[in-house]
Amino acid sequence: MQDDPLQQYARDRVEELPGAGLEHPFGPHWEVFTVRGKVFMLLTEVTGEPIVILKAAPEDGRALREQYPGITPGYHMNKRHWITLHPGGDLPEQLVEDLVTESYLLLVENLPRAERPVDPDAFGQEAP
């Protein structure tokens, strides 16, 4: 990994997400993060830079691409439903963590209820 901390922010956040796991189905140059076998994040440097690829709601992805030059459509993924985060320092750590969490929750909310490791509507909210 290069000096940019982008991928490390993403990895650190995944460690806090219940049911998330790391796989390498595309070889050693791709870190694929899944819940119940479904992908929510990919890390790679095959493009020549350490990138993070995440699920995003289409309207959120569009807004993020307009606001941040370091966010582009998903590399090798459906461009409406995935975004790519590029290194370079314009993406705050908290934003990266929030985008990883959102990608995870987008996947979890589409799992059958019995397979969900968390309730996507309540995850991250503190009890009253």
N, C-alpha and C. Protein backbone atom coordinates (compact mmCIF):
# COMPACT_ATOMS: atom_id res chain seq x y z
N MET A 1 0.84 -1.18 0.00
CA MET A 1 0.00 0.00 0.00
C MET A 1 0.88 1.24 0.00
N GLN A 2 0.43 2.26 -0.71
CA GLN A 2 1.17 3.51 -0.76
C GLN A 2 0.95 4.28 0.54
N ASP A 3 1.48 5.50 0.61
CA ASP A 3 1.42 6.29 1.84
C ASP A 3 0.01 6.77 2.18
N ASP A 4 -0.88 6.83 1.20
CA ASP A 4 -2.22 7.34 1.46
C ASP A 4 -2.99 6.40 2.39
N PRO A 5 -3.64 6.94 3.43
CA PRO A 5 -4.31 6.09 4.42
C PRO A 5 -5.73 5.65 4.04
N LEU A 6 -6.19 5.97 2.86
CA LEU A 6 -7.57 5.70 2.45
C LEU A 6 -7.99 4.26 2.71
N GLN A 7 -7.24 3.30 2.20
CA GLN A 7 -7.62 1.90 2.37
C GLN A 7 -7.59 1.48 3.83
N GLN A 8 -6.66 2.03 4.60
CA GLN A 8 -6.59 1.66 6.02
C GLN A 8 -7.81 2.15 6.78
N TYR A 9 -8.27 3.37 6.46
CA TYR A 9 -9.51 3.87 7.08
C TYR A 9 -10.64 2.88 6.82
N ALA A 10 -10.74 2.44 5.56
CA ALA A 10 -11.81 1.52 5.17
C ALA A 10 -11.67 0.18 5.90
N ARG A 11 -10.46 -0.37 5.93
CA ARG A 11 -10.23 -1.65 6.63
C ARG A 11 -10.58 -1.54 8.11
N ASP A 12 -10.13 -0.44 8.73
CA ASP A 12 -10.39 -0.25 10.16
C ASP A 12 -11.89 -0.23 10.44
N ARG A 13 -12.67 0.42 9.59
CA ARG A 13 -14.12 0.49 9.80
C ARG A 13 -14.76 -0.88 9.64
N VAL A 14 -14.32 -1.65 8.66
CA VAL A 14 -14.90 -2.98 8.43
C VAL A 14 -14.73 -3.87 9.66
N GLU A 15 -13.62 -3.72 10.37
CA GLU A 15 -13.39 -4.54 11.56
C GLU A 15 -14.47 -4.34 12.61
N GLU A 16 -15.19 -3.23 12.56
CA GLU A 16 -16.24 -2.92 13.53
C GLU A 16 -17.64 -3.34 13.06
N LEU A 17 -17.73 -3.91 11.87
CA LEU A 17 -19.03 -4.26 11.29
C LEU A 17 -19.35 -5.74 11.49
N PRO A 18 -20.41 -6.06 12.24
CA PRO A 18 -20.76 -7.46 12.51
C PRO A 18 -21.02 -8.25 11.22
N GLY A 19 -20.45 -9.43 11.16
CA GLY A 19 -20.70 -10.34 10.05
C GLY A 19 -19.88 -10.07 8.80
N ALA A 20 -19.06 -9.02 8.80
CA ALA A 20 -18.24 -8.71 7.63
C ALA A 20 -17.02 -9.61 7.60
N GLY A 21 -16.66 -10.05 6.41
CA GLY A 21 -15.49 -10.91 6.25
C GLY A 21 -14.69 -10.54 5.03
N LEU A 22 -13.44 -10.99 4.99
CA LEU A 22 -12.52 -10.73 3.89
C LEU A 22 -12.34 -12.00 3.06
N GLU A 23 -12.42 -11.85 1.75
CA GLU A 23 -12.21 -12.95 0.82
C GLU A 23 -11.27 -12.48 -0.28
N HIS A 24 -10.73 -13.42 -1.04
CA HIS A 24 -9.86 -13.09 -2.18
C HIS A 24 -10.28 -13.90 -3.42
N PRO A 25 -11.54 -13.79 -3.86
CA PRO A 25 -12.00 -14.60 -4.99
C PRO A 25 -11.40 -14.19 -6.34
N PHE A 26 -10.83 -12.99 -6.42
CA PHE A 26 -10.27 -12.50 -7.68
C PHE A 26 -8.75 -12.50 -7.65
N GLY A 27 -8.16 -13.18 -6.67
CA GLY A 27 -6.72 -13.25 -6.57
C GLY A 27 -6.18 -12.34 -5.49
N PRO A 28 -4.86 -12.37 -5.30
CA PRO A 28 -4.24 -11.67 -4.18
C PRO A 28 -4.26 -10.15 -4.29
N HIS A 29 -4.53 -9.62 -5.46
CA HIS A 29 -4.50 -8.17 -5.65
C HIS A 29 -5.85 -7.50 -5.38
N TRP A 30 -6.81 -8.29 -4.94
CA TRP A 30 -8.15 -7.76 -4.62
C TRP A 30 -8.56 -8.22 -3.23
N GLU A 31 -8.87 -7.28 -2.35
CA GLU A 31 -9.46 -7.61 -1.05
C GLU A 31 -10.97 -7.37 -1.21
N VAL A 32 -11.75 -8.42 -1.00
CA VAL A 32 -13.19 -8.35 -1.21
C VAL A 32 -13.88 -8.57 0.14
N PHE A 33 -14.64 -7.58 0.56
CA PHE A 33 -15.31 -7.64 1.86
C PHE A 33 -16.79 -7.97 1.64
N THR A 34 -17.26 -8.97 2.39
CA THR A 34 -18.60 -9.50 2.18
C THR A 34 -19.36 -9.66 3.49
N VAL A 35 -20.67 -9.79 3.34
CA VAL A 35 -21.56 -10.24 4.41
C VAL A 35 -22.41 -11.34 3.78
N ARG A 36 -22.40 -12.51 4.39
CA ARG A 36 -23.17 -13.66 3.89
C ARG A 36 -22.87 -13.93 2.40
N GLY A 37 -21.60 -13.75 2.02
CA GLY A 37 -21.18 -14.04 0.65
C GLY A 37 -21.48 -12.95 -0.37
N LYS A 38 -22.06 -11.84 0.05
CA LYS A 38 -22.38 -10.74 -0.86
C LYS A 38 -21.41 -9.58 -0.63
N VAL A 39 -20.93 -8.99 -1.73
CA VAL A 39 -19.89 -7.98 -1.69
C VAL A 39 -20.44 -6.60 -1.35
N PHE A 40 -19.74 -5.89 -0.43
CA PHE A 40 -20.07 -4.49 -0.17
C PHE A 40 -18.86 -3.57 -0.30
N MET A 41 -17.63 -4.13 -0.38
CA MET A 41 -16.46 -3.28 -0.54
C MET A 41 -15.33 -4.08 -1.17
N LEU A 42 -14.59 -3.41 -2.05
CA LEU A 42 -13.40 -4.01 -2.65
C LEU A 42 -12.24 -3.03 -2.51
N LEU A 43 -11.04 -3.57 -2.24
CA LEU A 43 -9.82 -2.77 -2.19
C LEU A 43 -8.85 -3.37 -3.18
N THR A 44 -8.17 -2.51 -3.94
CA THR A 44 -7.18 -2.99 -4.90
C THR A 44 -6.23 -1.86 -5.25
N GLU A 45 -5.12 -2.24 -5.86
CA GLU A 45 -4.19 -1.27 -6.42
C GLU A 45 -3.93 -1.58 -7.89
N VAL A 46 -4.79 -2.40 -8.52
CA VAL A 46 -4.57 -2.78 -9.92
C VAL A 46 -4.63 -1.58 -10.87
N THR A 47 -5.21 -0.47 -10.41
CA THR A 47 -5.29 0.73 -11.24
C THR A 47 -4.03 1.59 -11.13
N GLY A 48 -3.09 1.16 -10.26
CA GLY A 48 -1.88 1.94 -10.04
C GLY A 48 -1.95 2.82 -8.82
N GLU A 49 -3.08 2.83 -8.16
CA GLU A 49 -3.25 3.59 -6.92
C GLU A 49 -4.16 2.78 -6.00
N PRO A 50 -4.03 2.96 -4.67
CA PRO A 50 -4.88 2.21 -3.74
C PRO A 50 -6.29 2.79 -3.71
N ILE A 51 -7.24 2.05 -4.29
CA ILE A 51 -8.62 2.53 -4.35
C ILE A 51 -9.53 1.69 -3.47
N VAL A 52 -10.68 2.29 -3.13
CA VAL A 52 -11.73 1.63 -2.36
C VAL A 52 -13.00 1.71 -3.20
N ILE A 53 -13.66 0.59 -3.42
CA ILE A 53 -14.88 0.53 -4.23
C ILE A 53 -16.02 0.14 -3.30
N LEU A 54 -17.09 0.95 -3.30
CA LEU A 54 -18.20 0.76 -2.36
C LEU A 54 -19.55 0.86 -3.05
N LYS A 55 -20.56 0.19 -2.46
CA LYS A 55 -21.95 0.36 -2.89
C LYS A 55 -22.41 1.75 -2.45
N ALA A 56 -23.31 2.35 -3.24
CA ALA A 56 -23.90 3.64 -2.86
C ALA A 56 -25.26 3.75 -3.53
N ALA A 57 -26.20 4.37 -2.83
CA ALA A 57 -27.50 4.65 -3.46
C ALA A 57 -27.22 5.58 -4.64
N PRO A 58 -27.90 5.36 -5.78
CA PRO A 58 -27.61 6.16 -6.98
C PRO A 58 -27.60 7.67 -6.75
N GLU A 59 -28.58 8.18 -6.02
CA GLU A 59 -28.63 9.63 -5.81
C GLU A 59 -27.49 10.10 -4.92
N ASP A 60 -27.10 9.29 -3.94
CA ASP A 60 -25.97 9.63 -3.07
C ASP A 60 -24.66 9.60 -3.85
N GLY A 61 -24.49 8.57 -4.66
CA GLY A 61 -23.28 8.45 -5.47
C GLY A 61 -23.11 9.63 -6.41
N ARG A 62 -24.18 10.05 -7.02
CA ARG A 62 -24.14 11.20 -7.94
C ARG A 62 -23.72 12.47 -7.18
N ALA A 63 -24.34 12.71 -6.02
CA ALA A 63 -24.02 13.89 -5.22
C ALA A 63 -22.56 13.86 -4.75
N LEU A 64 -22.09 12.70 -4.32
CA LEU A 64 -20.71 12.57 -3.86
C LEU A 64 -19.71 12.83 -4.99
N ARG A 65 -20.01 12.31 -6.19
CA ARG A 65 -19.11 12.53 -7.34
C ARG A 65 -19.04 14.01 -7.70
N GLU A 66 -20.16 14.72 -7.53
CA GLU A 66 -20.17 16.15 -7.83
C GLU A 66 -19.40 16.94 -6.77
N GLN A 67 -19.45 16.50 -5.53
CA GLN A 67 -18.84 17.24 -4.43
C GLN A 67 -17.34 16.96 -4.25
N TYR A 68 -16.91 15.74 -4.53
CA TYR A 68 -15.52 15.34 -4.26
C TYR A 68 -14.84 14.84 -5.53
N PRO A 69 -13.73 15.49 -5.93
CA PRO A 69 -13.00 15.00 -7.09
C PRO A 69 -12.41 13.61 -6.88
N GLY A 70 -12.22 13.21 -5.61
CA GLY A 70 -11.65 11.90 -5.29
C GLY A 70 -12.66 10.77 -5.31
N ILE A 71 -13.90 11.04 -5.74
CA ILE A 71 -14.93 9.99 -5.86
C ILE A 71 -15.40 9.93 -7.29
N THR A 72 -15.31 8.75 -7.88
CA THR A 72 -15.71 8.52 -9.27
C THR A 72 -16.66 7.32 -9.33
N PRO A 73 -17.25 7.05 -10.51
CA PRO A 73 -18.10 5.85 -10.62
C PRO A 73 -17.30 4.58 -10.30
N GLY A 74 -17.99 3.54 -9.88
CA GLY A 74 -17.36 2.30 -9.46
C GLY A 74 -16.50 1.66 -10.52
N TYR A 75 -15.24 1.40 -10.19
CA TYR A 75 -14.31 0.74 -11.10
C TYR A 75 -14.75 -0.70 -11.34
N HIS A 76 -14.99 -1.05 -12.60
CA HIS A 76 -15.42 -2.39 -12.99
C HIS A 76 -16.71 -2.84 -12.34
N MET A 77 -17.57 -1.89 -11.94
CA MET A 77 -18.83 -2.23 -11.28
C MET A 77 -19.95 -1.43 -11.95
N ASN A 78 -21.19 -1.71 -11.56
CA ASN A 78 -22.33 -0.95 -12.04
C ASN A 78 -22.14 0.51 -11.62
N LYS A 79 -22.05 1.40 -12.59
CA LYS A 79 -21.71 2.80 -12.32
C LYS A 79 -22.81 3.55 -11.56
N ARG A 80 -24.02 3.05 -11.56
CA ARG A 80 -25.11 3.70 -10.82
C ARG A 80 -25.10 3.33 -9.35
N HIS A 81 -24.62 2.14 -9.04
CA HIS A 81 -24.76 1.61 -7.68
C HIS A 81 -23.43 1.47 -6.93
N TRP A 82 -22.33 1.84 -7.56
CA TRP A 82 -21.01 1.71 -6.93
C TRP A 82 -20.21 2.98 -7.16
N ILE A 83 -19.35 3.31 -6.19
CA ILE A 83 -18.44 4.44 -6.32
C ILE A 83 -17.02 3.98 -6.02
N THR A 84 -16.05 4.72 -6.54
CA THR A 84 -14.65 4.46 -6.25
C THR A 84 -14.07 5.66 -5.51
N LEU A 85 -13.38 5.39 -4.41
CA LEU A 85 -12.69 6.42 -3.65
C LEU A 85 -11.22 6.36 -4.04
N HIS A 86 -10.67 7.53 -4.40
CA HIS A 86 -9.27 7.61 -4.81
C HIS A 86 -8.45 8.31 -3.73
N PRO A 87 -7.16 7.94 -3.61
CA PRO A 87 -6.31 8.59 -2.62
C PRO A 87 -5.98 10.01 -3.05
N GLY A 88 -5.46 10.77 -2.13
CA GLY A 88 -5.04 12.11 -2.48
C GLY A 88 -5.33 13.12 -1.40
N GLY A 89 -6.06 12.72 -0.37
CA GLY A 89 -6.21 13.60 0.77
C GLY A 89 -7.46 14.44 0.82
N ASP A 90 -8.29 14.44 -0.23
CA ASP A 90 -9.49 15.29 -0.17
C ASP A 90 -10.68 14.60 0.47
N LEU A 91 -10.53 13.35 0.86
CA LEU A 91 -11.62 12.61 1.50
C LEU A 91 -11.33 12.45 2.99
N PRO A 92 -12.08 13.13 3.86
CA PRO A 92 -11.84 13.02 5.29
C PRO A 92 -12.07 11.59 5.80
N GLU A 93 -11.33 11.21 6.84
CA GLU A 93 -11.46 9.87 7.42
C GLU A 93 -12.90 9.57 7.79
N GLN A 94 -13.60 10.53 8.41
CA GLN A 94 -14.98 10.29 8.83
C GLN A 94 -15.88 10.00 7.63
N LEU A 95 -15.66 10.68 6.51
CA LEU A 95 -16.45 10.42 5.30
C LEU A 95 -16.20 9.00 4.81
N VAL A 96 -14.95 8.58 4.77
CA VAL A 96 -14.62 7.22 4.33
C VAL A 96 -15.32 6.20 5.22
N GLU A 97 -15.25 6.40 6.54
CA GLU A 97 -15.91 5.48 7.47
C GLU A 97 -17.42 5.46 7.25
N ASP A 98 -18.01 6.63 7.06
CA ASP A 98 -19.46 6.71 6.82
C ASP A 98 -19.85 6.01 5.53
N LEU A 99 -19.05 6.16 4.48
CA LEU A 99 -19.36 5.53 3.20
C LEU A 99 -19.22 4.01 3.28
N VAL A 100 -18.24 3.53 4.03
CA VAL A 100 -18.09 2.08 4.24
C VAL A 100 -19.32 1.55 4.99
N THR A 101 -19.74 2.26 6.03
CA THR A 101 -20.91 1.84 6.81
C THR A 101 -22.16 1.85 5.94
N GLU A 102 -22.33 2.87 5.13
CA GLU A 102 -23.51 2.96 4.26
C GLU A 102 -23.53 1.81 3.25
N SER A 103 -22.38 1.48 2.69
CA SER A 103 -22.29 0.37 1.75
C SER A 103 -22.70 -0.94 2.42
N TYR A 104 -22.19 -1.16 3.62
CA TYR A 104 -22.52 -2.34 4.42
C TYR A 104 -24.03 -2.40 4.67
N LEU A 105 -24.61 -1.28 5.10
CA LEU A 105 -26.05 -1.27 5.42
C LEU A 105 -26.91 -1.46 4.17
N LEU A 106 -26.48 -0.94 3.03
CA LEU A 106 -27.23 -1.17 1.78
C LEU A 106 -27.30 -2.66 1.47
N LEU A 107 -26.20 -3.37 1.71
CA LEU A 107 -26.21 -4.81 1.48
C LEU A 107 -27.08 -5.51 2.52
N VAL A 108 -26.88 -5.19 3.79
CA VAL A 108 -27.59 -5.88 4.86
C VAL A 108 -29.10 -5.72 4.73
N GLU A 109 -29.57 -4.53 4.36
CA GLU A 109 -31.02 -4.33 4.29
C GLU A 109 -31.67 -5.15 3.19
N ASN A 110 -30.87 -5.65 2.25
CA ASN A 110 -31.42 -6.49 1.19
C ASN A 110 -31.27 -7.99 1.47
N LEU A 111 -30.68 -8.33 2.60
CA LEU A 111 -30.62 -9.74 3.00
C LEU A 111 -31.95 -10.15 3.63
N PRO A 112 -32.29 -11.43 3.54
CA PRO A 112 -33.47 -11.90 4.29
C PRO A 112 -33.27 -11.59 5.78
N ARG A 113 -34.33 -11.23 6.45
CA ARG A 113 -34.23 -10.82 7.87
C ARG A 113 -33.45 -11.82 8.72
N ALA A 114 -33.66 -13.09 8.51
CA ALA A 114 -33.00 -14.12 9.32
C ALA A 114 -31.48 -14.15 9.10
N GLU A 115 -30.99 -13.60 7.98
CA GLU A 115 -29.56 -13.63 7.67
C GLU A 115 -28.86 -12.32 8.03
N ARG A 116 -29.59 -11.32 8.46
CA ARG A 116 -28.98 -10.02 8.76
C ARG A 116 -28.19 -10.08 10.07
N PRO A 117 -26.91 -9.68 10.03
CA PRO A 117 -26.13 -9.66 11.27
C PRO A 117 -26.52 -8.50 12.19
N VAL A 118 -27.18 -7.49 11.64
CA VAL A 118 -27.66 -6.34 12.42
C VAL A 118 -28.99 -5.88 11.82
N ASP A 119 -29.74 -5.10 12.59
CA ASP A 119 -30.94 -4.45 12.07
C ASP A 119 -30.47 -3.17 11.38
N PRO A 120 -30.59 -3.08 10.05
CA PRO A 120 -30.05 -1.92 9.35
C PRO A 120 -30.72 -0.60 9.75
N ASP A 121 -31.94 -0.65 10.24
CA ASP A 121 -32.62 0.58 10.64
C ASP A 121 -32.13 1.08 12.00
N ALA A 122 -31.61 0.20 12.83
CA ALA A 122 -31.20 0.59 14.18
C ALA A 122 -29.67 0.62 14.35
N PHE A 123 -28.94 0.08 13.39
CA PHE A 123 -27.48 -0.03 13.53
C PHE A 123 -26.85 1.35 13.70
N GLY A 124 -26.01 1.46 14.72
CA GLY A 124 -25.29 2.72 14.96
C GLY A 124 -26.05 3.74 15.77
N GLN A 125 -27.32 3.46 16.05
CA GLN A 125 -28.08 4.40 16.86
C GLN A 125 -27.96 3.98 18.30
N GLU A 126 -27.75 4.96 19.15
CA GLU A 126 -27.63 4.66 20.57
C GLU A 126 -29.01 4.45 21.18
N ALA A 127 -29.08 3.53 22.12
CA ALA A 127 -30.35 3.28 22.81
C ALA A 127 -30.71 4.48 23.67
N PRO A 128 -32.01 4.81 23.78
CA PRO A 128 -32.42 5.97 24.58
C PRO A 128 -32.15 5.76 26.06
